[in-house]
PDB file of N, CA and C in Angstrom:
ATOM      1  N   UNK A   1       0.812  -1.306   0.015  1.00  0.00           N
ATOM      2  CA  UNK A   1       0.120  -0.014  -0.051  1.00  0.00           C
ATOM      3  C   UNK A   1       0.765   1.461   0.116  1.00  0.00           C
ATOM      4  N   UNK A   2       2.127   1.260   0.830  1.00  0.00           N
ATOM      5  CA  UNK A   2       2.924   2.275   0.882  1.00  0.00           C
ATOM      6  C   UNK A   2       3.542   2.654  -0.370  1.00  0.00           C
ATOM      7  N   UNK A   3       3.749   1.632  -1.105  1.00  0.00           N
ATOM      8  CA  UNK A   3       4.507   1.741  -2.729  1.00  0.00           C
ATOM      9  C   UNK A   3       3.515   2.536  -3.654  1.00  0.00           C
ATOM     10  N   UNK A   4       2.203   1.996  -3.337  1.00  0.00           N
ATOM     11  CA  UNK A   4       1.342   2.844  -4.364  1.00  0.00           C
ATOM     12  C   UNK A   4       1.114   4.427  -3.914  1.00  0.00           C
ATOM     13  N   UNK A   5       1.246   4.756  -2.976  1.00  0.00           N
ATOM     14  CA  UNK A   5       1.381   6.041  -2.381  1.00  0.00           C
ATOM     15  C   UNK A   5       2.810   6.762  -2.817  1.00  0.00           C
ATOM     16  N   UNK A   6       3.725   6.131  -3.084  1.00  0.00           N
ATOM     17  CA  UNK A   6       5.164   6.446  -3.415  1.00  0.00           C
ATOM     18  C   UNK A   6       4.843   6.897  -4.878  1.00  0.00           C
ATOM     19  N   UNK A   7       4.298   5.836  -5.600  1.00  0.00           N
ATOM     20  CA  UNK A   7       4.014   5.935  -6.890  1.00  0.00           C
ATOM     21  C   UNK A   7       3.179   7.397  -7.236  1.00  0.00           C
ATOM     22  N   UNK A   8       2.087   7.441  -6.421  1.00  0.00           N
ATOM     23  CA  UNK A   8       1.218   8.603  -6.567  1.00  0.00           C
ATOM     24  C   UNK A   8       2.263   9.992  -6.510  1.00  0.00           C
ATOM     25  N   UNK A   9       3.003   9.772  -5.429  1.00  0.00           N
ATOM     26  CA  UNK A   9       3.803  10.960  -5.256  1.00  0.00           C
ATOM     27  C   UNK A   9       4.768  11.210  -6.358  1.00  0.00           C
ATOM     28  N   UNK A  10       5.226  10.270  -7.035  1.00  0.00           N
ATOM     29  CA  UNK A  10       6.169  10.194  -7.958  1.00  0.00           C
ATOM     30  C   UNK A  10       5.266  11.079  -9.238  1.00  0.00           C
ATOM     31  N   UNK A  11       4.096  10.370  -9.396  1.00  0.00           N
ATOM     32  CA  UNK A  11       3.459  10.906 -10.642  1.00  0.00           C
ATOM     33  C   UNK A  11       3.309  12.307 -10.229  1.00  0.00           C
ATOM     34  N   UNK A  12       2.784  12.705  -9.131  1.00  0.00           N
ATOM     35  CA  UNK A  12       2.391  14.036  -9.019  1.00  0.00           C
ATOM     36  C   UNK A  12       3.572  15.010  -9.155  1.00  0.00           C
ATOM     37  N   UNK A  13       4.828  14.600  -8.706  1.00  0.00           N
ATOM     38  CA  UNK A  13       5.824  15.154  -8.729  1.00  0.00           C
ATOM     39  C   UNK A  13       6.430  15.352 -10.462  1.00  0.00           C
ATOM     40  N   UNK A  14       6.359  14.313 -10.852  1.00  0.00           N
ATOM     41  CA  UNK A  14       6.445  14.662 -12.627  1.00  0.00           C
ATOM     42  C   UNK A  14       5.790  15.373 -13.278  1.00  0.00           C
ATOM     43  N   UNK A  15       4.403  15.367 -12.730  1.00  0.00           N
ATOM     44  CA  UNK A  15       3.203  16.183 -13.342  1.00  0.00           C
ATOM     45  C   UNK A  15       3.666  17.716 -12.999  1.00  0.00           C
ATOM     46  N   UNK A  16       3.892  17.978 -11.734  1.00  0.00           N
ATOM     47  CA  UNK A  16       4.385  19.507 -11.632  1.00  0.00           C
ATOM     48  C   UNK A  16       5.724  19.917 -12.234  1.00  0.00           C
ATOM     49  N   UNK A  17       6.563  18.790 -12.209  1.00  0.00           N
ATOM     50  CA  UNK A  17       7.638  19.459 -13.042  1.00  0.00           C
ATOM     51  C   UNK A  17       7.486  19.821 -14.527  1.00  0.00           C
ATOM     52  N   UNK A  18       6.527  18.875 -15.037  1.00  0.00           N
ATOM     53  CA  UNK A  18       6.518  19.261 -16.262  1.00  0.00           C
ATOM     54  C   UNK A  18       5.533  20.452 -16.590  1.00  0.00           C
ATOM     55  N   UNK A  19       4.746  20.617 -15.729  1.00  0.00           N
ATOM     56  CA  UNK A  19       3.877  21.996 -15.950  1.00  0.00           C
ATOM     57  C   UNK A  19       4.597  23.154 -15.607  1.00  0.00           C
ATOM     58  N   UNK A  20       5.734  23.087 -14.747  1.00  0.00           N
ATOM     59  CA  UNK A  20       6.698  24.149 -14.568  1.00  0.00           C
ATOM     60  C   UNK A  20       7.530  24.213 -15.623  1.00  0.00           C
ATOM     61  N   UNK A  21       7.720  23.450 -16.537  1.00  0.00           N
ATOM     62  CA  UNK A  21       8.506  23.628 -17.647  1.00  0.00           C
ATOM     63  C   UNK A  21       7.614  24.097 -18.785  1.00  0.00           C
ATOM     64  N   UNK A  22       6.281  24.261 -18.776  1.00  0.00           N
ATOM     65  CA  UNK A  22       5.679  24.849 -19.566  1.00  0.00           C
ATOM     66  C   UNK A  22       5.585  26.518 -19.989  1.00  0.00           C
ATOM     67  N   UNK A  23       5.525  26.874 -20.968  1.00  0.00           N
ATOM     68  CA  UNK A  23       5.596  28.538 -20.863  1.00  0.00           C
ATOM     69  C   UNK A  23       3.865  28.797 -20.807  1.00  0.00           C
ATOM     70  N   UNK A  24       4.004  28.825 -19.382  1.00  0.00           N
ATOM     71  CA  UNK A  24       2.282  29.341 -18.956  1.00  0.00           C
ATOM     72  C   UNK A  24       2.058  30.788 -19.190  1.00  0.00           C
ATOM     73  N   UNK A  25       0.861  31.200 -19.455  1.00  0.00           N
ATOM     74  CA  UNK A  25       0.467  32.411 -19.472  1.00  0.00           C
ATOM     75  C   UNK A  25      -0.262  32.550 -18.401  1.00  0.00           C
ATOM     76  N   UNK A  26       0.292  33.026 -17.181  1.00  0.00           N
ATOM     77  CA  UNK A  26      -0.334  33.079 -15.983  1.00  0.00           C
ATOM     78  C   UNK A  26      -1.010  34.742 -15.727  1.00  0.00           C
ATOM     79  N   UNK A  27      -2.282  34.705 -14.967  1.00  0.00           N
ATOM     80  CA  UNK A  27      -2.921  35.536 -15.226  1.00  0.00           C
ATOM     81  C   UNK A  27      -3.209  36.109 -13.865  1.00  0.00           C
ATOM     82  N   UNK A  28      -2.520  37.418 -13.260  1.00  0.00           N
ATOM     83  CA  UNK A  28      -2.386  37.872 -11.974  1.00  0.00           C
ATOM     84  C   UNK A  28      -3.834  38.219 -11.366  1.00  0.00           C
ATOM     85  N   UNK A  29      -4.906  38.321 -12.154  1.00  0.00           N
ATOM     86  CA  UNK A  29      -6.263  38.627 -11.733  1.00  0.00           C
ATOM     87  C   UNK A  29      -7.146  37.667 -11.872  1.00  0.00           C
ATOM     88  N   UNK A  30      -6.647  36.155 -12.018  1.00  0.00           N
ATOM     89  CA  UNK A  30      -7.486  35.131 -12.050  1.00  0.00           C
ATOM     90  C   UNK A  30      -8.321  34.862 -10.942  1.00  0.00           C
ATOM     91  N   UNK A  31      -9.389  34.400 -11.070  1.00  0.00           N
ATOM     92  CA  UNK A  31     -10.301  34.116  -9.901  1.00  0.00           C
ATOM     93  C   UNK A  31     -10.056  33.350  -8.740  1.00  0.00           C
ATOM     94  N   UNK A  32      -9.225  32.765  -8.913  1.00  0.00           N
ATOM     95  CA  UNK A  32      -8.788  31.692  -7.916  1.00  0.00           C
ATOM     96  C   UNK A  32      -7.630  32.284  -6.844  1.00  0.00           C
ATOM     97  N   UNK A  33      -7.258  33.614  -7.305  1.00  0.00           N
ATOM     98  CA  UNK A  33      -6.100  34.402  -6.543  1.00  0.00           C
ATOM     99  C   UNK A  33      -4.942  33.804  -6.326  1.00  0.00           C
ATOM    100  N   UNK A  34      -4.406  32.835  -7.384  1.00  0.00           N
ATOM    101  CA  UNK A  34      -3.311  32.280  -7.673  1.00  0.00           C
ATOM    102  C   UNK A  34      -2.801  32.191  -8.796  1.00  0.00           C
ATOM    103  N   UNK A  35      -3.084  33.253  -9.623  1.00  0.00           N
ATOM    104  CA  UNK A  35      -2.676  33.117 -11.214  1.00  0.00           C
ATOM    105  C   UNK A  35      -3.113  31.904 -12.082  1.00  0.00           C
ATOM    106  N   UNK A  36      -4.114  31.181 -11.537  1.00  0.00           N
ATOM    107  CA  UNK A  36      -4.745  30.057 -11.985  1.00  0.00           C
ATOM    108  C   UNK A  36      -3.996  28.866 -11.743  1.00  0.00           C
ATOM    109  N   UNK A  37      -3.030  28.851 -10.771  1.00  0.00           N
ATOM    110  CA  UNK A  37      -2.255  27.476 -10.102  1.00  0.00           C
ATOM    111  C   UNK A  37      -2.901  27.216  -8.717  1.00  0.00           C
ATOM    112  N   UNK A  38      -4.118  27.372  -8.188  1.00  0.00           N
ATOM    113  CA  UNK A  38      -4.785  26.945  -7.199  1.00  0.00           C
ATOM    114  C   UNK A  38      -4.594  25.665  -6.941  1.00  0.00           C
ATOM    115  N   UNK A  39      -4.828  24.702  -8.031  1.00  0.00           N
ATOM    116  CA  UNK A  39      -4.810  23.521  -7.864  1.00  0.00           C
ATOM    117  C   UNK A  39      -3.722  22.858  -7.099  1.00  0.00           C
ATOM    118  N   UNK A  40      -2.470  23.634  -7.539  1.00  0.00           N
ATOM    119  CA  UNK A  40      -1.144  23.211  -6.875  1.00  0.00           C
ATOM    120  C   UNK A  40      -1.425  23.325  -5.304  1.00  0.00           C
ATOM    121  N   UNK A  41      -1.823  24.261  -4.648  1.00  0.00           N
ATOM    122  CA  UNK A  41      -1.810  24.349  -3.272  1.00  0.00           C
ATOM    123  C   UNK A  41      -2.670  23.620  -2.692  1.00  0.00           C
ATOM    124  N   UNK A  42      -3.847  23.095  -3.222  1.00  0.00           N
ATOM    125  CA  UNK A  42      -4.810  22.260  -2.869  1.00  0.00           C
ATOM    126  C   UNK A  42      -4.142  20.651  -2.664  1.00  0.00           C
ATOM    127  N   UNK A  43      -3.195  20.537  -3.444  1.00  0.00           N
ATOM    128  CA  UNK A  43      -3.055  18.972  -3.209  1.00  0.00           C
ATOM    129  C   UNK A  43      -2.227  18.622  -2.061  1.00  0.00           C
ATOM    130  N   UNK A  44      -1.901  19.516  -1.324  1.00  0.00           N
ATOM    131  CA  UNK A  44      -1.252  19.164  -0.028  1.00  0.00           C
ATOM    132  C   UNK A  44      -2.402  18.354   0.850  1.00  0.00           C
ATOM    133  N   UNK A  45      -3.714  18.869   0.671  1.00  0.00           N
ATOM    134  CA  UNK A  45      -4.707  18.238   1.601  1.00  0.00           C
ATOM    135  C   UNK A  45      -4.989  16.518   1.169  1.00  0.00           C
ATOM    136  N   UNK A  46      -4.707  16.409  -0.097  1.00  0.00           N
ATOM    137  CA  UNK A  46      -4.921  15.046  -0.513  1.00  0.00           C
ATOM    138  C   UNK A  46      -3.973  14.156   0.045  1.00  0.00           C
ATOM    139  N   UNK A  47      -2.661  14.544   0.398  1.00  0.00           N
ATOM    140  CA  UNK A  47      -1.572  13.619   0.646  1.00  0.00           C
ATOM    141  C   UNK A  47      -1.317  14.118   2.138  1.00  0.00           C
ATOM    142  N   UNK A  48      -2.034  14.543   2.794  1.00  0.00           N
ATOM    143  CA  UNK A  48      -1.807  14.868   4.233  1.00  0.00           C
ATOM    144  C   UNK A  48      -2.064  13.750   4.974  1.00  0.00           C
ATOM    145  N   UNK A  49      -3.211  13.030   4.932  1.00  0.00           N
ATOM    146  CA  UNK A  49      -3.515  11.803   5.624  1.00  0.00           C
ATOM    147  C   UNK A  49      -2.221  10.638   5.645  1.00  0.00           C
ATOM    148  N   UNK A  50      -1.813  10.390   4.593  1.00  0.00           N
ATOM    149  CA  UNK A  50      -0.561   9.388   4.202  1.00  0.00           C
ATOM    150  C   UNK A  50       0.601   9.974   4.726  1.00  0.00           C
ATOM    151  N   UNK A  51       0.827  11.405   4.517  1.00  0.00           N
ATOM    152  CA  UNK A  51       2.173  11.761   5.290  1.00  0.00           C
ATOM    153  C   UNK A  51       2.195  11.756   7.011  1.00  0.00           C
ATOM    154  N   UNK A  52       0.758  12.135   7.521  1.00  0.00           N
ATOM    155  CA  UNK A  52       0.604  11.815   8.875  1.00  0.00           C
ATOM    156  C   UNK A  52       1.046  10.403   8.997  1.00  0.00           C
ATOM    157  N   UNK A  53       0.247   9.671   8.566  1.00  0.00           N
ATOM    158  CA  UNK A  53       0.745   8.107   8.802  1.00  0.00           C
ATOM    159  C   UNK A  53       1.817   7.655   8.686  1.00  0.00           C
ATOM    160  N   UNK A  54       2.594   8.321   7.642  1.00  0.00           N
ATOM    161  CA  UNK A  54       4.003   7.779   7.521  1.00  0.00           C
ATOM    162  C   UNK A  54       4.876   8.427   8.635  1.00  0.00           C
ATOM    163  N   UNK A  55       4.772   9.740   8.937  1.00  0.00           N
ATOM    164  CA  UNK A  55       5.461  10.344  10.229  1.00  0.00           C
ATOM    165  C   UNK A  55       5.103   9.419  11.437  1.00  0.00           C
ATOM    166  N   UNK A  56       3.949   9.057  11.551  1.00  0.00           N
ATOM    167  CA  UNK A  56       3.522   8.270  12.953  1.00  0.00           C
ATOM    168  C   UNK A  56       4.452   6.871  12.902  1.00  0.00           C
ATOM    169  N   UNK A  57       4.580   6.438  11.791  1.00  0.00           N
ATOM    170  CA  UNK A  57       5.104   5.012  11.687  1.00  0.00           C
ATOM    171  C   UNK A  57       6.565   5.357  11.774  1.00  0.00           C
ATOM    172  N   UNK A  58       7.161   6.217  11.267  1.00  0.00           N
ATOM    173  CA  UNK A  58       8.619   6.483  11.428  1.00  0.00           C
ATOM    174  C   UNK A  58       8.941   7.023  12.970  1.00  0.00           C
ATOM    175  N   UNK A  59       7.967   7.765  13.389  1.00  0.00           N
ATOM    176  CA  UNK A  59       8.102   8.071  14.797  1.00  0.00           C
ATOM    177  C   UNK A  59       8.225   6.860  15.728  1.00  0.00           C
ATOM    178  N   UNK A  60       7.284   6.081  15.496  1.00  0.00           N
ATOM    179  CA  UNK A  60       7.122   4.800  16.448  1.00  0.00           C
ATOM    180  C   UNK A  60       8.524   3.936  16.199  1.00  0.00           C
ATOM    181  N   UNK A  61       9.209   4.019  14.986  1.00  0.00           N
ATOM    182  CA  UNK A  61      10.330   3.155  14.852  1.00  0.00           C
ATOM    183  C   UNK A  61      11.631   3.866  15.483  1.00  0.00           C
ATOM    184  N   UNK A  62      11.533   5.300  15.463  1.00  0.00           N
ATOM    185  CA  UNK A  62      12.557   6.039  16.198  1.00  0.00           C
ATOM    186  C   UNK A  62      12.478   5.643  17.791  1.00  0.00           C
ATOM    187  N   UNK A  63      11.084   5.826  18.541  1.00  0.00           N
ATOM    188  CA  UNK A  63      10.863   5.478  19.866  1.00  0.00           C
ATOM    189  C   UNK A  63      11.210   4.201  20.092  1.00  0.00           C
ATOM    190  N   UNK A  64      11.090   3.222  19.292  1.00  0.00           N
ATOM    191  CA  UNK A  64      11.573   1.676  19.394  1.00  0.00           C
ATOM    192  C   UNK A  64      12.941   1.688  19.836  1.00  0.00           C
ATOM    193  N   UNK A  65      13.723   2.502  18.775  1.00  0.00           N
ATOM    194  CA  UNK A  65      15.022   2.462  19.263  1.00  0.00           C
ATOM    195  C   UNK A  65      15.692   3.074  20.484  1.00  0.00           C
ATOM    196  N   UNK A  66      15.078   4.108  20.766  1.00  0.00           N
ATOM    197  CA  UNK A  66      15.368   4.783  22.097  1.00  0.00           C
ATOM    198  C   UNK A  66      14.872   4.030  23.368  1.00  0.00           C
ATOM    199  N   UNK A  67      13.850   3.033  23.071  1.00  0.00           N
ATOM    200  CA  UNK A  67      13.416   2.328  24.275  1.00  0.00           C
ATOM    201  C   UNK A  67      14.536   1.396  24.775  1.00  0.00           C
ATOM    202  N   UNK A  68      15.331   0.938  23.638  1.00  0.00           N
ATOM    203  CA  UNK A  68      16.449   0.192  24.226  1.00  0.00           C
ATOM    204  C   UNK A  68      17.186   0.711  24.944  1.00  0.00           C
ATOM    205  N   UNK A  69      17.783   1.988  25.042  1.00  0.00           N
ATOM    206  CA  UNK A  69      18.249   2.822  25.980  1.00  0.00           C
ATOM    207  C   UNK A  69      17.715   3.199  27.438  1.00  0.00           C
ATOM    208  N   UNK A  70      16.466   2.815  27.557  1.00  0.00           N
ATOM    209  CA  UNK A  70      15.517   3.372  28.658  1.00  0.00           C
ATOM    210  C   UNK A  70      16.169   2.976  29.814  1.00  0.00           C
ATOM    211  N   UNK A  71      16.567   1.689  30.282  1.00  0.00           N
ATOM    212  CA  UNK A  71      17.082   1.408  31.673  1.00  0.00           C
ATOM    213  C   UNK A  71      18.203   1.987  31.908  1.00  0.00           C
ATOM    214  N   UNK A  72      19.348   2.192  30.910  1.00  0.00           N
ATOM    215  CA  UNK A  72      20.634   2.900  31.097  1.00  0.00           C
ATOM    216  C   UNK A  72      20.175   4.282  31.360  1.00  0.00           C
ATOM    217  N   UNK A  73      19.412   5.005  30.762  1.00  0.00           N
ATOM    218  CA  UNK A  73      19.043   6.337  30.857  1.00  0.00           C
ATOM    219  C   UNK A  73      18.339   6.579  32.371  1.00  0.00           C
ATOM    220  N   UNK A  74      17.532   5.677  32.708  1.00  0.00           N
ATOM    221  CA  UNK A  74      16.970   5.844  34.025  1.00  0.00           C
ATOM    222  C   UNK A  74      17.994   5.678  35.127  1.00  0.00           C
ATOM    223  N   UNK A  75      19.161   4.736  35.005  1.00  0.00           N
ATOM    224  CA  UNK A  75      20.018   4.388  35.922  1.00  0.00           C
ATOM    225  C   UNK A  75      20.883   5.977  36.096  1.00  0.00           C
ATOM    226  N   UNK A  76      21.455   6.398  34.836  1.00  0.00           N
ATOM    227  CA  UNK A  76      22.021   7.611  34.727  1.00  0.00           C
ATOM    228  C   UNK A  76      21.335   8.698  35.530  1.00  0.00           C
ATOM    229  N   UNK A  77      19.903   8.612  35.430  1.00  0.00           N
ATOM    230  CA  UNK A  77      19.263   9.828  35.928  1.00  0.00           C
ATOM    231  C   UNK A  77      19.303   9.772  37.341  1.00  0.00           C
ATOM    232  N   UNK A  78      19.088   8.546  37.884  1.00  0.00           N
ATOM    233  CA  UNK A  78      19.191   8.259  39.597  1.00  0.00           C
ATOM    234  C   UNK A  78      20.556   8.483  39.931  1.00  0.00           C
ATOM    235  N   UNK A  79      21.483   8.132  39.363  1.00  0.00           N
ATOM    236  CA  UNK A  79      23.073   8.444  39.918  1.00  0.00           C
ATOM    237  C   UNK A  79      23.091  10.031  39.826  1.00  0.00           C
ATOM    238  N   UNK A  80      22.713  10.715  38.768  1.00  0.00           N
ATOM    239  CA  UNK A  80      22.840  12.115  38.781  1.00  0.00           C
ATOM    240  C   UNK A  80      22.044  12.952  39.579  1.00  0.00           C
ATOM    241  N   UNK A  81      21.002  12.388  40.086  1.00  0.00           N
ATOM    242  CA  UNK A  81      19.979  13.194  40.929  1.00  0.00           C
ATOM    243  C   UNK A  81      20.678  12.825  42.449  1.00  0.00           C
ATOM    244  N   UNK A  82      21.168  11.751  42.671  1.00  0.00           N
ATOM    245  CA  UNK A  82      22.010  11.279  43.964  1.00  0.00           C
ATOM    246  C   UNK A  82      23.095  12.335  44.122  1.00  0.00           C
ATOM    247  N   UNK A  83      23.895  12.474  42.877  1.00  0.00           N
ATOM    248  CA  UNK A  83      25.022  13.089  43.036  1.00  0.00           C
ATOM    249  C   UNK A  83      24.662  14.881  43.271  1.00  0.00           C
ATOM    250  N   UNK A  84      23.789  15.057  42.675  1.00  0.00           N
ATOM    251  CA  UNK A  84      23.346  16.557  42.899  1.00  0.00           C
ATOM    252  C   UNK A  84      22.688  16.863  44.378  1.00  0.00           C
ATOM    253  N   UNK A  85      22.110  15.623  44.792  1.00  0.00           N
ATOM    254  CA  UNK A  85      21.798  15.987  46.389  1.00  0.00           C
ATOM    255  C   UNK A  85      23.064  15.890  47.124  1.00  0.00           C
ATOM    256  N   UNK A  86      23.917  15.088  47.075  1.00  0.00           N
ATOM    257  CA  UNK A  86      24.971  15.067  47.765  1.00  0.00           C
ATOM    258  C   UNK A  86      25.854  16.485  47.816  1.00  0.00           C
ATOM    259  N   UNK A  87      25.896  17.229  46.664  1.00  0.00           N
ATOM    260  CA  UNK A  87      26.562  18.475  46.265  1.00  0.00           C
ATOM    261  C   UNK A  87      25.574  19.501  47.148  1.00  0.00           C
ATOM    262  N   UNK A  88      24.414  19.528  46.850  1.00  0.00           N
ATOM    263  CA  UNK A  88      23.535  20.279  47.449  1.00  0.00           C
ATOM    264  C   UNK A  88      23.540  20.414  48.947  1.00  0.00           C
ATOM    265  N   UNK A  89      23.469  19.186  49.480  1.00  0.00           N
ATOM    266  CA  UNK A  89      23.751  19.139  50.927  1.00  0.00           C
ATOM    267  C   UNK A  89      25.038  19.544  51.523  1.00  0.00           C
ATOM    268  N   UNK A  90      26.047  19.361  50.922  1.00  0.00           N
ATOM    269  CA  UNK A  90      27.351  20.089  51.078  1.00  0.00           C
ATOM    270  C   UNK A  90      27.196  21.399  51.169  1.00  0.00           C
ATOM    271  N   UNK A  91      26.750  22.011  50.020  1.00  0.00           N
ATOM    272  CA  UNK A  91      26.565  23.539  50.009  1.00  0.00           C
ATOM    273  C   UNK A  91      25.729  23.983  51.156  1.00  0.00           C
ATOM    274  N   UNK A  92      24.758  23.301  51.627  1.00  0.00           N
ATOM    275  CA  UNK A  92      23.581  23.587  52.493  1.00  0.00           C
ATOM    276  C   UNK A  92      24.439  23.748  53.714  1.00  0.00           C
ATOM    277  N   UNK A  93      25.501  22.876  54.253  1.00  0.00           N
ATOM    278  CA  UNK A  93      26.235  22.731  55.442  1.00  0.00           C
ATOM    279  C   UNK A  93      26.984  23.722  55.592  1.00  0.00           C
ATOM    280  N   UNK A  94      27.610  23.972  54.359  1.00  0.00           N
ATOM    281  CA  UNK A  94      28.881  25.150  54.107  1.00  0.00           C
ATOM    282  C   UNK A  94      28.110  26.372  54.382  1.00  0.00           C
ATOM    283  N   UNK A  95      26.991  26.741  54.032  1.00  0.00           N
ATOM    284  CA  UNK A  95      26.341  28.086  54.214  1.00  0.00           C
ATOM    285  C   UNK A  95      25.933  28.159  55.600  1.00  0.00           C
ATOM    286  N   UNK A  96      25.394  27.163  56.360  1.00  0.00           N
ATOM    287  CA  UNK A  96      24.990  27.145  57.476  1.00  0.00           C
ATOM    288  C   UNK A  96      25.957  27.760  58.593  1.00  0.00           C
ATOM    289  N   UNK A  97      27.327  26.709  58.060  1.00  0.00           N
ATOM    290  CA  UNK A  97      28.446  26.994  58.930  1.00  0.00           C
ATOM    291  C   UNK A  97      28.953  28.577  59.016  1.00  0.00           C
ATOM    292  N   UNK A  98      28.802  28.878  57.746  1.00  0.00           N
ATOM    293  CA  UNK A  98      29.277  30.469  57.283  1.00  0.00           C
ATOM    294  C   UNK A  98      28.391  31.252  58.128  1.00  0.00           C
ATOM    295  N   UNK A  99      27.048  31.276  57.884  1.00  0.00           N
ATOM    296  CA  UNK A  99      25.936  31.924  58.496  1.00  0.00           C
ATOM    297  C   UNK A  99      25.955  31.897  59.860  1.00  0.00           C
ATOM    298  N   UNK A 100      26.303  30.710  60.611  1.00  0.00           N
ATOM    299  CA  UNK A 100      26.432  30.473  61.815  1.00  0.00           C
ATOM    300  C   UNK A 100      27.508  31.182  62.470  1.00  0.00           C
ATOM    301  N   UNK A 101      28.662  31.270  61.940  1.00  0.00           N
ATOM    302  CA  UNK A 101      29.847  31.812  62.398  1.00  0.00           C
ATOM    303  C   UNK A 101      29.707  33.367  62.166  1.00  0.00           C
ATOM    304  N   UNK A 102      29.068  33.841  61.405  1.00  0.00           N
ATOM    305  CA  UNK A 102      28.895  35.298  61.301  1.00  0.00           C
ATOM    306  C   UNK A 102      28.099  35.821  62.514  1.00  0.00           C
ATOM    307  N   UNK A 103      26.937  35.062  62.337  1.00  0.00           N
ATOM    308  CA  UNK A 103      25.999  35.438  63.751  1.00  0.00           C
ATOM    309  C   UNK A 103      26.590  35.314  65.077  1.00  0.00           C
ATOM    310  N   UNK A 104      27.303  34.526  65.194  1.00  0.00           N
ATOM    311  CA  UNK A 104      28.097  34.181  66.474  1.00  0.00           C
ATOM    312  C   UNK A 104      29.081  35.351  66.635  1.00  0.00           C
ATOM    313  N   UNK A 105      29.714  35.737  65.535  1.00  0.00           N
ATOM    314  CA  UNK A 105      30.764  36.938  65.750  1.00  0.00           C
ATOM    315  C   UNK A 105      30.055  38.541  66.046  1.00  0.00           C
ATOM    316  N   UNK A 106      29.025  38.660  65.597  1.00  0.00           N
ATOM    317  CA  UNK A 106      28.307  39.715  65.608  1.00  0.00           C
ATOM    318  C   UNK A 106      27.214  39.773  66.678  1.00  0.00           C
ATOM    319  N   UNK A 107      27.108  39.825  67.975  1.00  0.00           N
ATOM    320  CA  UNK A 107      25.884  39.489  68.942  1.00  0.00           C
ATOM    321  C   UNK A 107      24.710  40.243  68.738  1.00  0.00           C
ATOM    322  N   UNK A 108      25.021  41.834  68.344  1.00  0.00           N
ATOM    323  CA  UNK A 108      23.907  42.663  68.177  1.00  0.00           C
ATOM    324  C   UNK A 108      23.386  42.664  66.589  1.00  0.00           C
ATOM    325  N   UNK A 109      23.450  41.523  65.871  1.00  0.00           N
ATOM    326  CA  UNK A 109      22.838  41.664  64.653  1.00  0.00           C
ATOM    327  C   UNK A 109      21.492  41.290  64.799  1.00  0.00           C
ATOM    328  N   UNK A 110      20.531  41.753  64.420  1.00  0.00           N
ATOM    329  CA  UNK A 110      19.062  41.264  64.617  1.00  0.00           C
ATOM    330  C   UNK A 110      18.621  40.867  63.556  1.00  0.00           C
ATOM    331  N   UNK A 111      17.368  39.832  63.392  1.00  0.00           N
ATOM    332  CA  UNK A 111      16.772  39.236  62.482  1.00  0.00           C
ATOM    333  C   UNK A 111      16.118  40.427  61.770  1.00  0.00           C
ATOM    334  N   UNK A 112      16.393  40.872  60.382  1.00  0.00           N
ATOM    335  CA  UNK A 112      15.506  41.681  59.720  1.00  0.00           C
ATOM    336  C   UNK A 112      13.784  41.222  59.892  1.00  0.00           C
ATOM    337  N   UNK A 113      13.517  40.430  59.868  1.00  0.00           N
ATOM    338  CA  UNK A 113      12.084  39.865  60.052  1.00  0.00           C
ATOM    339  C   UNK A 113      11.390  40.554  61.316  1.00  0.00           C
ATOM    340  N   UNK A 114      12.138  40.524  62.343  1.00  0.00           N
ATOM    341  CA  UNK A 114      11.640  41.173  63.554  1.00  0.00           C
ATOM    342  C   UNK A 114      11.970  42.514  63.778  1.00  0.00           C
ATOM    343  N   UNK A 115      12.742  43.050  62.890  1.00  0.00           N
ATOM    344  CA  UNK A 115      12.880  44.643  63.093  1.00  0.00           C
ATOM    345  C   UNK A 115      12.061  45.514  61.902  1.00  0.00           C
ATOM    346  N   UNK A 116      11.018  44.777  61.608  1.00  0.00           N
ATOM    347  CA  UNK A 116      10.146  45.543  60.597  1.00  0.00           C
ATOM    348  C   UNK A 116       9.121  46.324  61.580  1.00  0.00           C
ATOM    349  N   UNK A 117       9.021  47.586  61.162  1.00  0.00           N
ATOM    350  CA  UNK A 117       8.276  48.663  62.069  1.00  0.00           C
ATOM    351  C   UNK A 117       6.592  48.812  61.100  1.00  0.00           C
ATOM    352  N   UNK A 118       5.920  48.776  61.791  1.00  0.00           N
ATOM    353  CA  UNK A 118       4.704  49.271  61.080  1.00  0.00           C
ATOM    354  C   UNK A 118       4.282  50.846  60.790  1.00  0.00           C
ATOM    355  N   UNK A 119       4.069  51.179  59.806  1.00  0.00           N
ATOM    356  CA  UNK A 119       3.684  52.587  59.639  1.00  0.00           C
ATOM    357  C   UNK A 119       2.266  52.685  59.295  1.00  0.00           C
ATOM    358  N   UNK A 120       1.655  53.849  60.088  1.00  0.00           N
ATOM    359  CA  UNK A 120       0.219  53.758  59.832  1.00  0.00           C
ATOM    360  C   UNK A 120      -0.341  54.786  58.957  1.00  0.00           C
TER     361      UNK A 120
END
C-alpha cells in the first residue's frame, strides 16, 4: 500500500515538474487568486493523511530504538540526582556554617524580620 502512495507522489511530482517547464500564461487577476495555479496549493490536503501516517510510523520506529536505552538512561538519571543531592547537601552545610559563624561573631545583629516597623 505504501508503494502505491510513493507511486502517486512520483506521478504528482513529475506532473508538477512538467507543468513548471511549460510556457504558461499566468493571469494575476485570475478568480482563484493564485494566477490560475490554485490546484497546486490544494494538493497538500490530498497527501496529508498518508504523510501523517508515515510520520507516525517513522516516529514509532525511532521511539522503539530509544526504548532500548531506557534502563541505562534511568540509571544515569538516578545517579545524577543522587550526586546533585550530595552536592546540594554539602553546600547547604557550608552556608549554615558560614552564616552561623557570622551570627556568633556579631551579637547585636538582629533578624530583619523582627525589626520591621509598621507605619500607619
